[in-house]
C-alpha atoms as a PDB file:
ATOM      1  CA  UNK A   1     -12.490 -16.363-136.599  1.00  0.00           C
ATOM      2  CA  UNK A   2     -10.333 -14.506-139.097  1.00  0.00           C
ATOM      3  CA  UNK A   3     -12.437 -11.964-141.007  1.00  0.00           C
ATOM      4  CA  UNK A   4     -10.443 -12.331-144.211  1.00  0.00           C
ATOM      5  CA  UNK A   5     -10.739 -16.124-144.262  1.00  0.00           C
ATOM      6  CA  UNK A   6     -14.447 -15.834-143.470  1.00  0.00           C
ATOM      7  CA  UNK A   7     -14.953 -13.322-146.288  1.00  0.00           C
ATOM      8  CA  UNK A   8     -13.102 -15.528-148.750  1.00  0.00           C
ATOM      9  CA  UNK A   9     -15.158 -18.552-147.717  1.00  0.00           C
ATOM     10  CA  UNK A  10     -18.404 -16.582-147.935  1.00  0.00           C
ATOM     11  CA  UNK A  11     -17.607 -15.456-151.486  1.00  0.00           C
ATOM     12  CA  UNK A  12     -16.869 -19.061-152.457  1.00  0.00           C
ATOM     13  CA  UNK A  13     -20.123 -20.271-150.846  1.00  0.00           C
ATOM     14  CA  UNK A  14     -22.069 -17.637-152.777  1.00  0.00           C
ATOM     15  CA  UNK A  15     -20.220 -18.674-155.925  1.00  0.00           C
ATOM     16  CA  UNK A  16     -21.200 -22.294-155.342  1.00  0.00           C
ATOM     17  CA  UNK A  17     -24.837 -21.307-154.803  1.00  0.00           C
ATOM     18  CA  UNK A  18     -24.704 -19.347-158.044  1.00  0.00           C
ATOM     19  CA  UNK A  19     -23.336 -22.413-159.857  1.00  0.00           C
ATOM     20  CA  UNK A  20     -26.099 -24.649-158.508  1.00  0.00           C
ATOM     21  CA  UNK A  21     -28.762 -22.065-159.351  1.00  0.00           C
ATOM     22  CA  UNK A  22     -27.421 -21.785-162.903  1.00  0.00           C
ATOM     23  CA  UNK A  23     -27.538 -25.570-163.270  1.00  0.00           C
ATOM     24  CA  UNK A  24     -31.161 -25.656-162.098  1.00  0.00           C
ATOM     25  CA  UNK A  25     -32.071 -22.847-164.512  1.00  0.00           C
ATOM     26  CA  UNK A  26     -30.414 -24.766-167.367  1.00  0.00           C
ATOM     27  CA  UNK A  27     -32.439 -27.865-166.502  1.00  0.00           C
ATOM     28  CA  UNK A  28     -35.681 -25.855-166.299  1.00  0.00           C
ATOM     29  CA  UNK A  29     -35.008 -24.084-169.603  1.00  0.00           C
ATOM     30  CA  UNK A  30     -34.396 -27.409-171.358  1.00  0.00           C
ATOM     31  CA  UNK A  31     -32.887 -25.654-174.382  1.00  0.00           C
ATOM     32  CA  UNK A  32     -29.250 -25.814-175.438  1.00  0.00           C
ATOM     33  CA  UNK A  33     -29.115 -22.233-176.735  1.00  0.00           C
ATOM     34  CA  UNK A  34     -30.619 -20.765-173.558  1.00  0.00           C
ATOM     35  CA  UNK A  35     -28.425 -22.973-171.385  1.00  0.00           C
ATOM     36  CA  UNK A  36     -25.390 -21.715-173.282  1.00  0.00           C
ATOM     37  CA  UNK A  37     -26.417 -18.119-172.518  1.00  0.00           C
ATOM     38  CA  UNK A  38     -26.769 -18.961-168.810  1.00  0.00           C
ATOM     39  CA  UNK A  39     -23.392 -20.714-168.901  1.00  0.00           C
ATOM     40  CA  UNK A  40     -21.766 -17.706-170.576  1.00  0.00           C
ATOM     41  CA  UNK A  41     -23.092 -15.345-167.911  1.00  0.00           C
ATOM     42  CA  UNK A  42     -21.789 -17.703-165.252  1.00  0.00           C
ATOM     43  CA  UNK A  43     -18.370 -17.856-166.927  1.00  0.00           C
ATOM     44  CA  UNK A  44     -18.067 -14.080-166.645  1.00  0.00           C
ATOM     45  CA  UNK A  45     -18.406 -14.350-162.854  1.00  0.00           C
ATOM     46  CA  UNK A  46     -15.513 -16.805-162.435  1.00  0.00           C
ATOM     47  CA  UNK A  47     -12.647 -14.334-162.878  1.00  0.00           C
ATOM     48  CA  UNK A  48     -14.406 -11.781-160.665  1.00  0.00           C
ATOM     49  CA  UNK A  49     -14.695 -14.340-157.871  1.00  0.00           C
ATOM     50  CA  UNK A  50     -11.050 -15.379-158.295  1.00  0.00           C
ATOM     51  CA  UNK A  51      -9.869 -11.774-158.174  1.00  0.00           C
ATOM     52  CA  UNK A  52     -12.063 -10.967-155.158  1.00  0.00           C
ATOM     53  CA  UNK A  53     -10.927 -13.872-153.016  1.00  0.00           C
ATOM     54  CA  UNK A  54      -7.285 -13.462-154.007  1.00  0.00           C
ATOM     55  CA  UNK A  55      -7.371  -9.731-153.279  1.00  0.00           C
ATOM     56  CA  UNK A  56      -8.816 -10.293-149.817  1.00  0.00           C
ATOM     57  CA  UNK A  57      -6.111 -12.852-149.043  1.00  0.00           C
ATOM     58  CA  UNK A  58      -3.289 -10.715-150.410  1.00  0.00           C
ATOM     59  CA  UNK A  59      -4.413  -7.620-148.520  1.00  0.00           C
ATOM     60  CA  UNK A  60      -4.467  -9.650-145.320  1.00  0.00           C
ATOM     61  CA  UNK A  61      -0.998 -11.100-145.969  1.00  0.00           C
ATOM     62  CA  UNK A  62       0.599  -7.998-147.473  1.00  0.00           C
ATOM     63  CA  UNK A  63       2.375  -7.004-144.263  1.00  0.00           C
ATOM     64  CA  UNK A  64       3.788 -10.526-143.828  1.00  0.00           C
ATOM     65  CA  UNK A  65       5.127 -11.015-147.364  1.00  0.00           C
ATOM     66  CA  UNK A  66       8.153  -9.407-148.964  1.00  0.00           C
ATOM     67  CA  UNK A  67       7.538  -7.186-151.993  1.00  0.00           C
ATOM     68  CA  UNK A  68       9.225  -9.749-154.254  1.00  0.00           C
ATOM     69  CA  UNK A  69       6.835 -12.494-153.114  1.00  0.00           C
ATOM     70  CA  UNK A  70       3.845 -10.225-153.669  1.00  0.00           C
ATOM     71  CA  UNK A  71       5.065  -9.546-157.208  1.00  0.00           C
ATOM     72  CA  UNK A  72       5.392 -13.297-157.852  1.00  0.00           C
ATOM     73  CA  UNK A  73       1.888 -13.923-156.517  1.00  0.00           C
ATOM     74  CA  UNK A  74       0.425 -11.124-158.629  1.00  0.00           C
ATOM     75  CA  UNK A  75       2.273 -12.449-161.685  1.00  0.00           C
ATOM     76  CA  UNK A  76       0.780 -15.885-161.039  1.00  0.00           C
ATOM     77  CA  UNK A  77      -2.722 -14.458-160.746  1.00  0.00           C
ATOM     78  CA  UNK A  78      -2.190 -12.549-163.989  1.00  0.00           C
ATOM     79  CA  UNK A  79      -1.094 -15.756-165.702  1.00  0.00           C
ATOM     80  CA  UNK A  80      -4.221 -17.506-164.435  1.00  0.00           C
ATOM     81  CA  UNK A  81      -6.447 -14.728-165.726  1.00  0.00           C
ATOM     82  CA  UNK A  82      -4.726 -14.704-169.111  1.00  0.00           C
ATOM     83  CA  UNK A  83      -5.212 -18.465-169.334  1.00  0.00           C
ATOM     84  CA  UNK A  84      -8.863 -18.218-168.341  1.00  0.00           C
ATOM     85  CA  UNK A  85      -9.854 -15.209-170.420  1.00  0.00           C
ATOM     86  CA  UNK A  86      -7.749 -15.748-173.550  1.00  0.00           C
ATOM     87  CA  UNK A  87      -9.584 -17.629-176.280  1.00  0.00           C
END
């Protein structure tokens, strides 16, 4: 099994577990204000998870991609982050 693919999948599994745990906490809290705080903390993790998985994949593929393609991929990731983080 490819270590990079396994690492990326493991991060996504942990992310999914975090999402489910946050949903359970929101249900247990039964308060909109507290649920919003939990949701905000969860939203801060999203970009970190995206950057982590993308970085692992790009490092693994860096020797197979031309520098121009890497620049395009990084530009796309930057656009995603700007779209996610800009309010």
